[in-house]
Amino acid sequence: MSHKLTFSDFVNFILQLEGVKNGHQMFFAQAEAFGLAEEFKANWKKSVGMLSGGERKKLYFFTICCLTRDWYLFDEPFAGIDEDGKAMMTKQVHRLLEQNKGIITSHEAAPLEPFPQMKQHELAKEKG
C-alpha cells in the first residue's frame, strides 16, 4: 500500500466504489456510535503507511463493516489489536451476528465469549 494513500483516501475510495451515498457522514455517524469518531478524525489526513498496525486494522475492519453485505468473513480480526480496539470490534461483530452475517476465524476466543450464537470449532494439530 502506498505511503501517500491517506486514511480519508481509503475510506472515500471504498465507499465510493460501493456507491454509498453520503459516505463521509455515514462513516462518521457509525464511528461515533462505536466511540471511534475522535480517533478517526485525528487520523483522517494521515498516511495509511504511517498508522500503527492496530490503527490500520481498525480502519480496514470498520470500513468493511460500513458496507452492506450478505456475509462478512474476518480472519484473525483481533490479532495485533489493543483491548479498546477489541471491544469496538466485538460490538461490530455483535451487530453482524445479530443479523447472522458473520464468519470469524480467530485464535482468540475471549472477545467472542459474550456471543452464545457463536459456534466454536477447534482444529486439532497433527502431531508428528
Protein backbone atom coordinates (compact mmCIF):
# COMPACT_ATOMS: atom_id res chain seq x y z
CA MET A 1 0.00 0.00 0.00
CA SER A 2 1.29 3.44 -0.89
CA HIS A 3 2.59 5.64 1.90
CA LYS A 4 0.83 8.52 0.10
CA LEU A 5 -2.62 6.96 0.44
CA THR A 6 -4.35 8.66 3.35
CA PHE A 7 -6.92 7.36 5.80
CA SER A 8 -9.53 9.55 4.08
CA ASP A 9 -8.46 8.36 0.60
CA PHE A 10 -9.02 4.74 1.65
CA VAL A 11 -12.44 5.36 3.24
CA ASN A 12 -13.66 7.54 0.38
CA PHE A 13 -12.41 5.12 -2.29
CA ILE A 14 -14.10 2.06 -0.72
CA LEU A 15 -17.39 3.84 -0.04
CA GLN A 16 -17.49 5.48 -3.49
CA LEU A 17 -16.58 2.20 -5.17
CA GLU A 18 -19.59 0.64 -3.45
CA GLY A 19 -21.86 3.55 -4.35
CA VAL A 20 -22.51 4.53 -0.74
CA LYS A 21 -24.38 7.82 -0.67
CA ASN A 22 -23.20 10.41 1.86
CA GLY A 23 -20.35 8.05 2.75
CA HIS A 24 -18.41 10.55 4.86
CA GLN A 25 -21.45 11.35 7.01
CA MET A 26 -22.44 7.70 7.33
CA PHE A 27 -18.88 6.66 8.19
CA PHE A 28 -18.57 9.21 11.00
CA ALA A 29 -22.10 8.59 12.30
CA GLN A 30 -21.20 4.91 12.71
CA ALA A 31 -17.78 5.78 14.10
CA GLU A 32 -19.50 7.98 16.71
CA ALA A 33 -21.80 5.10 17.67
CA PHE A 34 -18.77 2.90 18.34
CA GLY A 35 -16.70 5.57 20.11
CA LEU A 36 -14.20 5.96 17.28
CA ALA A 37 -15.05 9.36 15.82
CA GLU A 38 -12.26 11.26 17.61
CA GLU A 39 -9.60 8.67 16.73
CA PHE A 40 -10.72 8.59 13.10
CA LYS A 41 -10.82 12.40 12.88
CA ALA A 42 -7.27 12.54 14.26
CA ASN A 43 -6.13 10.01 11.63
CA TRP A 44 -8.20 11.38 8.73
CA LYS A 45 -5.30 13.07 6.90
CA LYS A 46 -2.57 10.65 7.99
CA SER A 47 -0.89 8.38 5.52
CA VAL A 48 -2.09 4.79 5.88
CA GLY A 49 1.56 3.72 5.88
CA MET A 50 2.20 5.85 8.97
CA LEU A 51 -0.61 4.30 11.03
CA SER A 52 0.22 1.64 13.58
CA GLY A 53 -0.72 -1.92 12.71
CA GLY A 54 -3.69 -1.77 15.09
CA GLU A 55 -4.89 1.57 13.67
CA ARG A 56 -4.70 0.15 10.13
CA LYS A 57 -6.59 -2.97 11.14
CA LYS A 58 -9.34 -0.89 12.77
CA LEU A 59 -9.54 1.27 9.63
CA TYR A 60 -9.96 -1.76 7.36
CA PHE A 61 -12.32 -3.62 9.70
CA PHE A 62 -14.55 -0.63 10.37
CA THR A 63 -14.71 0.48 6.71
CA ILE A 64 -15.72 -3.01 5.59
CA CYS A 65 -18.39 -3.13 8.31
CA CYS A 66 -19.87 0.07 6.85
CA LEU A 67 -20.70 -1.81 3.65
CA THR A 68 -23.90 -3.78 3.24
CA ARG A 69 -23.05 -7.42 2.61
CA ASP A 70 -24.79 -10.76 2.88
CA TRP A 71 -21.72 -12.17 4.65
CA TYR A 72 -18.59 -10.83 6.30
CA LEU A 73 -15.53 -13.06 6.64
CA PHE A 74 -12.87 -11.98 9.11
CA ASP A 75 -9.64 -13.90 9.51
CA GLU A 76 -7.89 -13.21 12.83
CA PRO A 77 -9.51 -9.80 13.29
CA PHE A 78 -8.25 -9.38 16.86
CA ALA A 79 -4.57 -10.10 16.22
CA GLY A 80 -2.42 -7.07 16.98
CA ILE A 81 -5.32 -5.04 18.39
CA ASP A 82 -5.30 -3.40 21.82
CA GLU A 83 -8.08 -4.12 24.33
CA ASP A 84 -10.06 -0.96 23.42
CA GLY A 85 -9.88 -1.91 19.75
CA LYS A 86 -11.04 -5.43 20.53
CA ALA A 87 -14.00 -4.02 22.47
CA MET A 88 -15.01 -1.88 19.48
CA MET A 89 -14.60 -4.78 17.09
CA THR A 90 -16.61 -7.03 19.39
CA LYS A 91 -19.51 -4.53 19.27
CA GLN A 92 -19.36 -4.58 15.48
CA VAL A 93 -19.21 -8.38 15.43
CA HIS A 94 -22.25 -8.49 17.73
CA ARG A 95 -24.19 -6.28 15.31
CA LEU A 96 -23.31 -8.59 12.41
CA LEU A 97 -24.04 -11.79 14.33
CA GLU A 98 -27.47 -10.49 15.29
CA GLN A 99 -28.13 -10.46 11.54
CA ASN A 100 -26.49 -13.89 11.03
CA LYS A 101 -23.91 -12.33 8.74
CA GLY A 102 -20.52 -13.14 10.20
CA ILE A 103 -17.84 -15.75 9.88
CA ILE A 104 -14.75 -15.30 12.01
CA THR A 105 -11.60 -17.32 12.35
CA SER A 106 -9.55 -16.49 15.41
CA HIS A 107 -7.08 -17.96 17.86
CA GLU A 108 -8.54 -15.61 20.47
CA ALA A 109 -11.77 -16.94 21.94
CA ALA A 110 -12.11 -14.38 24.76
CA PRO A 111 -13.50 -11.49 22.64
CA LEU A 112 -16.17 -13.86 21.28
CA GLU A 113 -17.32 -15.38 24.59
CA PRO A 114 -20.30 -13.00 25.00
CA PHE A 115 -21.99 -14.47 21.91
CA PRO A 116 -23.98 -17.63 22.60
CA GLN A 117 -24.79 -17.94 18.89
CA MET A 118 -21.07 -18.17 18.05
CA LYS A 119 -20.13 -21.68 17.15
CA GLN A 120 -16.62 -22.58 18.09
CA HIS A 121 -14.73 -25.28 16.34
CA GLU A 122 -11.25 -26.29 17.27
CA LEU A 123 -8.96 -27.93 14.80
CA ALA A 124 -6.53 -30.36 16.33
CA LYS A 125 -2.93 -30.12 15.19
CA GLU A 126 -1.45 -33.30 13.93
CA LYS A 127 1.48 -34.42 15.98
CA GLY A 128 4.34 -35.88 14.13
